[in-house]
Protein backbone atom coordinates (compact mmCIF):
# COMPACT_ATOMS: atom_id res chain seq x y z
CA MET A 1 0.34 0.09 0.14
CA PRO A 2 1.68 3.46 -0.83
CA LEU A 3 2.30 5.80 1.46
CA PRO A 4 1.75 8.48 2.57
CA ILE A 5 -1.56 9.18 2.25
CA ARG A 6 -2.08 12.37 1.39
CA ASN A 7 -6.06 12.55 -0.15
CA LEU A 8 -9.05 13.32 2.17
CA GLY A 9 -12.62 12.26 1.16
CA ILE A 10 -14.72 13.33 4.33
CA VAL A 11 -18.63 12.36 4.06
CA GLY A 12 -21.11 14.23 6.84
CA LEU A 13 -20.03 18.28 6.98
CA GLY A 14 -21.38 19.37 10.52
CA LYS A 15 -19.34 20.96 13.16
CA MET A 16 -17.28 18.04 12.93
CA GLY A 17 -16.51 17.13 8.90
CA ALA A 18 -16.26 20.63 7.98
CA ASP A 19 -13.72 21.83 11.13
CA LEU A 20 -11.80 18.78 10.26
CA ALA A 21 -11.34 19.31 6.66
CA LYS A 22 -10.05 23.30 7.55
CA ASN A 23 -7.62 21.50 9.49
CA ALA A 24 -6.59 19.77 6.74
CA LEU A 25 -7.15 21.95 4.01
CA ALA A 26 -4.83 24.30 6.21
CA HIS A 27 -2.01 21.45 6.71
CA GLY A 28 -1.72 21.07 2.81
CA PHE A 29 -3.91 17.85 1.90
CA ALA A 30 -6.30 17.61 -0.65
CA VAL A 31 -9.92 17.27 0.82
CA ALA A 32 -13.24 16.75 -0.60
CA GLY A 33 -16.10 15.81 0.79
CA THR A 34 -20.19 15.34 0.26
CA ASP A 35 -23.06 16.11 2.67
CA THR A 36 -27.21 16.57 1.93
CA HIS A 37 -26.60 20.29 2.56
CA ASP A 38 -24.37 22.70 0.62
CA VAL A 39 -20.81 23.77 2.80
CA ALA A 40 -20.07 27.93 3.12
CA PRO A 41 -18.26 29.37 0.74
CA ASP A 42 -15.17 29.85 3.15
CA LEU A 43 -14.35 26.05 2.51
CA LYS A 44 -14.72 26.15 -1.06
CA GLN A 45 -12.36 29.30 -1.14
CA ALA A 46 -9.96 26.92 0.86
CA GLY A 47 -9.49 24.52 -1.98
CA PHE A 48 -12.07 22.16 -0.40
CA LYS A 49 -13.83 20.05 -3.47
CA PHE A 50 -18.13 19.44 -3.01
CA ALA A 51 -18.94 15.82 -4.29
CA ALA A 52 -22.48 16.04 -5.34
CA ASP A 53 -22.90 12.37 -3.71
CA LEU A 54 -20.60 9.29 -2.82
CA LYS A 55 -20.31 8.23 -6.15
CA GLN A 56 -18.64 11.84 -6.92
CA LEU A 57 -17.30 11.98 -4.19
CA ALA A 58 -15.00 8.27 -4.74
CA ALA A 59 -14.26 9.71 -8.39
CA LEU A 60 -12.61 12.73 -6.90
CA LEU A 61 -10.11 10.39 -4.68
CA PRO A 62 -7.23 8.53 -5.73
CA ARG A 63 -6.16 4.91 -4.89
CA PRO A 64 -6.13 3.58 -2.13
CA ARG A 65 -9.02 5.96 -1.13
CA PHE A 66 -9.08 7.21 2.55
CA VAL A 67 -12.92 8.20 3.46
CA LEU A 68 -13.69 9.78 6.88
CA LEU A 69 -16.98 9.56 7.60
CA TYR A 70 -19.30 11.69 10.51
CA VAL A 71 -22.57 10.78 9.98
CA PRO A 72 -24.77 10.04 13.48
CA ALA A 73 -24.13 6.15 14.78
CA GLY A 74 -26.76 4.00 13.99
CA PRO A 75 -28.91 3.05 10.57
CA PRO A 76 -26.81 6.13 9.09
CA VAL A 77 -23.68 4.36 8.94
CA ASP A 78 -24.71 1.38 7.92
CA GLY A 79 -26.83 3.33 5.03
CA VAL A 80 -23.32 5.47 3.76
CA LEU A 81 -21.15 1.76 4.03
CA ALA A 82 -23.86 -0.07 2.49
CA GLN A 83 -23.65 2.48 -0.95
CA LEU A 84 -19.63 3.11 -0.22
CA ALA A 85 -19.39 -1.00 -0.47
CA SER A 86 -20.40 -1.20 -3.71
CA ILE A 87 -18.31 2.26 -5.27
CA LEU A 88 -14.89 1.62 -3.74
CA GLU A 89 -12.50 -1.15 -4.15
CA PRO A 90 -10.38 -3.34 -3.14
CA GLY A 91 -7.89 -1.47 -0.50
CA ASP A 92 -9.25 1.40 -0.20
CA ILE A 93 -9.77 2.56 3.51
CA VAL A 94 -13.28 4.22 5.80
CA ALA A 95 -12.83 5.08 9.30
CA ASP A 96 -16.16 6.23 11.03
CA GLY A 97 -14.81 8.97 13.18
CA GLY A 98 -18.06 9.30 15.29
CA ASN A 99 -19.58 7.84 18.10
CA SER A 100 -21.05 4.18 16.86
CA TYR A 101 -20.50 1.37 19.24
CA TRP A 102 -17.78 -0.62 19.45
CA GLY A 103 -19.76 -3.76 18.48
CA ASP A 104 -21.43 -2.31 15.36
CA SER A 105 -17.38 -1.29 14.59
CA ILE A 106 -16.45 -5.17 14.92
CA ARG A 107 -19.38 -5.92 12.99
CA ARG A 108 -18.95 -3.36 10.30
CA HIS A 109 -15.31 -4.65 9.89
CA ALA A 110 -16.02 -7.64 9.41
CA ARG A 111 -18.65 -7.03 6.64
CA LEU A 112 -16.16 -4.50 4.98
CA LYS A 113 -13.65 -6.89 5.02
CA GLU A 114 -15.55 -9.76 2.74
CA LYS A 115 -14.85 -7.39 0.26
CA GLN A 116 -11.44 -6.56 0.68
CA ILE A 117 -12.40 -2.68 1.65
CA HIS A 118 -10.79 -1.55 5.13
CA PHE A 119 -12.56 -0.71 7.54
CA ILE A 120 -10.94 1.72 10.42
CA ASP A 121 -12.63 3.24 13.78
CA ALA A 122 -12.12 6.02 14.47
CA GLY A 123 -13.35 7.88 17.85
CA THR A 124 -12.19 11.62 18.05
CA SER A 125 -12.55 13.82 20.61
CA GLY A 126 -11.90 17.49 21.21
CA GLY A 127 -15.11 19.32 19.33
CA PRO A 128 -15.58 21.30 17.22
CA GLY A 129 -12.91 23.52 18.00
CA GLY A 130 -10.23 19.80 18.54
CA ALA A 131 -11.69 19.26 14.54
CA LEU A 132 -9.96 22.79 13.68
CA GLU A 133 -6.96 22.66 15.52
CA GLY A 134 -5.50 19.27 16.96
CA ALA A 135 -7.84 16.53 17.52
CA CYS A 136 -7.77 13.70 20.01
CA PHE A 137 -8.21 10.60 17.95
CA MET A 138 -8.18 6.35 19.10
CA LEU A 139 -7.70 4.45 16.86
CA GLY A 140 -9.42 0.24 16.65
CA GLY A 141 -8.38 -1.93 13.03
CA GLU A 142 -5.97 -4.01 11.34
CA ALA A 143 -2.92 -2.61 11.76
CA GLU A 144 -2.14 -2.01 7.59
CA PRO A 145 -4.08 0.12 6.69
CA VAL A 146 -3.98 1.90 10.36
CA ALA A 147 -0.07 2.59 8.99
CA ALA A 148 -1.45 3.82 6.02
CA VAL A 149 -4.19 6.95 7.26
CA GLU A 150 -1.46 7.20 11.01
CA PRO A 151 0.63 10.39 8.78
CA ILE A 152 -2.47 12.29 7.80
CA LEU A 153 -4.37 11.53 11.12
CA ARG A 154 -1.36 12.36 13.45
CA LYS A 155 -0.78 15.93 11.50
CA LEU A 156 -5.42 16.30 12.21
CA ALA A 157 -4.25 15.80 15.78
CA VAL A 158 -2.72 17.85 18.79
CA GLU A 159 0.35 16.40 19.74
CA GLY A 160 0.61 13.40 21.17
CA GLY A 161 -3.41 12.89 20.51
CA TYR A 162 -3.02 9.80 18.60
CA VAL A 163 -3.12 5.86 19.35
CA HIS A 164 -3.84 2.88 17.70
CA ALA A 165 -5.77 1.17 20.46
CA GLY A 166 -6.31 -2.18 19.20
CA GLY A 167 -7.93 -4.09 16.41
CA PRO A 168 -11.50 -3.10 15.79
CA GLY A 169 -13.78 -1.56 17.98
CA ALA A 170 -11.21 -1.45 20.42
CA GLY A 171 -10.97 2.31 18.85
CA HIS A 172 -14.96 3.53 19.79
CA PHE A 173 -13.98 1.05 23.00
CA THR A 174 -11.48 3.73 24.83
CA LYS A 175 -13.88 6.58 23.44
CA LEU A 176 -16.69 5.08 25.18
CA VAL A 177 -14.83 4.29 27.63
CA HIS A 178 -13.13 8.71 27.46
CA ASN A 179 -17.12 9.81 27.41
CA GLY A 180 -18.60 7.32 30.93
CA ILE A 181 -15.48 9.50 32.48
CA GLU A 182 -16.57 12.38 31.01
CA PHE A 183 -19.88 12.60 32.37
CA ALA A 184 -18.74 11.57 35.80
CA MET A 185 -16.18 14.99 35.79
CA LEU A 186 -18.91 16.94 34.82
CA GLN A 187 -21.09 15.91 37.19
CA ALA A 188 -18.46 15.93 39.67
CA ILE A 189 -17.65 19.92 38.70
CA GLY A 190 -21.37 20.36 39.41
CA GLU A 191 -21.90 19.44 42.28
CA GLY A 192 -19.19 20.79 43.17
CA VAL A 193 -20.25 24.29 42.24
CA ASP A 194 -23.70 23.89 43.37
CA LEU A 195 -21.60 23.72 46.94
CA LEU A 196 -20.27 26.91 46.19
CA GLU A 197 -23.33 28.77 45.72
CA GLN A 198 -25.02 27.18 48.90
CA TYR A 199 -22.56 27.97 50.95
CA ARG A 200 -23.85 30.44 54.48
CA GLU A 201 -22.12 33.23 52.48
CA LYS A 202 -22.13 34.59 48.86
CA LEU A 203 -18.63 33.50 47.45
CA PRO A 204 -17.18 34.68 44.04
CA VAL A 205 -17.30 31.20 42.82
CA ALA A 206 -16.44 32.88 38.64
CA ASP A 207 -13.10 34.11 40.68
CA VAL A 208 -12.98 30.20 43.14
CA LEU A 209 -12.78 28.58 39.89
CA SER A 210 -9.88 30.70 38.48
CA CYS A 211 -7.78 29.84 40.69
CA TRP A 212 -8.17 25.70 40.72
CA ARG A 213 -6.97 26.29 37.23
CA HIS A 214 -3.61 27.52 38.06
CA GLY A 215 -1.80 25.04 40.22
CA SER A 216 -4.77 23.00 41.67
CA VAL A 217 -4.72 19.42 41.39
CA ILE A 218 -8.59 19.25 39.53
CA ARG A 219 -7.47 22.12 37.29
CA SER A 220 -8.85 21.33 33.52
CA TRP A 221 -10.35 21.45 29.92
CA LEU A 222 -13.90 20.97 31.94
CA VAL A 223 -13.16 23.56 34.90
CA ASP A 224 -11.87 26.09 32.06
CA LEU A 225 -14.99 25.81 30.46
CA MET A 226 -17.72 26.36 33.69
CA GLU A 227 -15.59 29.47 34.44
CA LYS A 228 -16.07 30.39 31.20
CA MET A 229 -19.86 29.94 30.83
CA TYR A 230 -20.36 31.01 34.06
CA ARG A 231 -19.09 34.26 33.39
CA GLU A 232 -20.69 34.79 30.81
CA ARG A 233 -24.69 33.58 31.69
CA GLY A 234 -24.16 35.71 35.05
CA GLY A 235 -24.18 32.15 36.53
CA LEU A 236 -26.63 29.10 36.88
CA ALA A 237 -30.16 31.38 37.38
CA GLY A 238 -30.48 31.28 33.80
CA THR A 239 -30.01 28.16 32.60
CA PRO A 240 -32.48 25.06 32.46
CA SER A 241 -32.00 21.53 34.66
CA TYR A 242 -32.92 19.72 32.21
CA ILE A 243 -29.74 17.96 30.38
CA ASP A 244 -30.38 15.81 27.47
CA ASP A 245 -27.87 13.17 25.54
CA THR A 246 -27.54 11.31 23.03
CA GLY A 247 -27.43 7.27 24.82
CA GLU A 248 -23.41 6.63 24.48
CA VAL A 249 -22.91 6.64 28.12
CA ASN A 250 -26.19 3.90 28.53
CA TRP A 251 -24.20 1.79 26.20
CA LEU A 252 -21.25 1.15 28.57
CA VAL A 253 -23.01 1.20 31.41
CA ASP A 254 -24.66 -2.10 29.78
CA ASP A 255 -21.52 -2.99 28.58
CA ALA A 256 -20.10 -2.73 31.91
CA LEU A 257 -22.39 -5.16 33.79
CA HIS A 258 -21.84 -7.69 31.18
CA MET A 259 -17.74 -7.45 31.56
CA GLU A 260 -18.97 -7.08 35.19
CA VAL A 261 -16.43 -4.30 36.43
CA ALA A 262 -18.21 -1.58 38.34
CA ILE A 263 -18.70 1.57 37.56
CA PRO A 264 -20.29 2.93 39.99
CA VAL A 265 -19.78 6.12 39.63
CA ILE A 266 -19.74 7.06 36.06
CA THR A 267 -22.99 4.49 36.56
CA GLN A 268 -24.27 7.43 38.95
CA SER A 269 -23.42 10.10 36.51
CA VAL A 270 -25.80 9.00 33.76
CA ILE A 271 -29.10 8.48 36.41
CA GLN A 272 -28.11 12.10 37.30
CA LEU A 273 -28.66 12.65 34.10
CA ILE A 274 -32.20 10.90 33.59
CA ALA A 275 -32.75 12.55 37.07
CA SER A 276 -32.80 16.14 35.12
CA ARG A 277 -35.41 15.24 32.98
CA ASP A 278 -37.46 14.49 35.32
CA ALA A 279 -40.22 17.21 35.59
CA THR A 280 -43.69 15.37 36.81
CA HIS A 281 -41.05 13.38 40.03
CA ASN A 282 -43.79 10.71 40.42
CA ALA A 283 -40.65 8.31 41.57
CA ALA A 284 -40.74 11.33 44.89
CA ARG A 285 -44.97 11.42 44.64
CA ALA A 286 -44.72 7.30 45.43
CA ILE A 287 -41.80 7.99 48.45
CA ASP A 288 -44.11 10.90 49.54
CA GLN A 289 -47.42 8.48 50.60
CA MET A 290 -45.54 5.65 51.78
CA ARG A 291 -43.62 8.00 54.28
CA HIS A 292 -47.16 9.34 55.11
CA GLY A 293 -48.81 5.31 55.36
CA PHE A 294 -46.65 3.61 57.09
CA GLY A 295 -44.92 7.18 59.69
CA GLY A 296 -47.58 9.79 59.77
CA HIS A 297 -44.56 11.94 57.55
CA PRO A 298 -46.07 15.68 56.35
CA TYR A 299 -46.78 16.09 52.47
CA GLY A 300 -44.76 18.50 50.59
CA LYS A 301 -43.11 21.39 53.05
CA ASP A 302 -43.77 21.38 56.66
CA ALA A 303 -42.06 24.04 58.87
CA GLY A 304 -41.44 21.78 61.82
CA VAL A 305 -39.89 18.92 59.82
CA ALA A 306 -37.30 21.62 58.04
CA HIS A 307 -36.45 22.78 61.43
CA GLU A 308 -35.64 19.28 62.93
CA ARG A 309 -33.87 18.72 59.63
CA HIS A 310 -31.71 22.15 60.49
CA THR A 311 -30.85 21.39 64.08
CA GLY A 312 -31.10 17.54 64.93
CA ARG A 313 -26.68 17.16 64.62
CA ILE A 314 -25.21 18.67 67.54
CA GLY A 315 -22.18 20.36 66.33
CA GLY A 316 -20.38 19.49 63.31
CA PHE A 317 -21.52 21.20 59.63
CA VAL A 318 -21.73 25.22 60.41
CA GLY A 319 -25.09 26.17 58.62
CA ASN A 320 -26.13 29.45 56.58
CA GLY A 321 -24.78 31.58 58.76
CA GLY A 322 -25.46 29.38 62.12
CA ASP A 323 -22.16 28.96 64.70
CA ALA A 324 -20.93 25.64 65.48
CA SER A 325 -22.55 23.92 68.29
């Protein structure tokens, strides 16, 4: 297989695909791509070649072709791969850069291998900013096609942000684990900010976050983003509490159960995310009914119960403005 590959085809020109195309063009690679919508004029002005369909895209790429997918996980990936399987030729390489399930990637690799087309699962992190300025790639696949695309992907990656994690499926599995860790970190930071907000006196929360960014053991890009967004939005009050997601970390929790690996923190972060969507709080209502039934506990807020909750412990916690006992 001739090296290095210097032509890149991209299917799916949303934020990730379009920014990765700009990144590749800036590094001197020839880039063509296709989507159901046209691309921004500045991308074409930079030398990007827009293809009307997959067949035209294949015609724009020299062999061995390298086609990178950034389409939604699930049936859309299978649909594109089915079309490419009838268009591409033996030795061509397809990489799925989306958040596909690793088991699906193993299946897709086997199906394309029957046609002698190489398949790589290319877990990608860093968001649109990373796609534009330097992404983080986690690859799964056979050694030969991975070696063929490694030079171009290393150029598109941030320094150190590239790994061939293993065989088919390993790239998307490591990206899935990454997403689980991300959920847990988001939950921990969110809970920490909530604690800062609930302190007995008003704290300069944004300044505390800024401090944490410099030299603390929890300094991270997520803490950077937390400070930035907290300042931009003037705190938390104007932000909805409903959290949506596309469900990938649910797959990881299911995998962990089958693997008999305990991931309580990641699992709890998923549960908390789901709980944010409960506008009716039926579980809480059911608990209220049972508590009233066995102990006569009042429904809803009760000043007497609240007083007992805040005064029942002697010593220890110093409440909102109170003194230590």
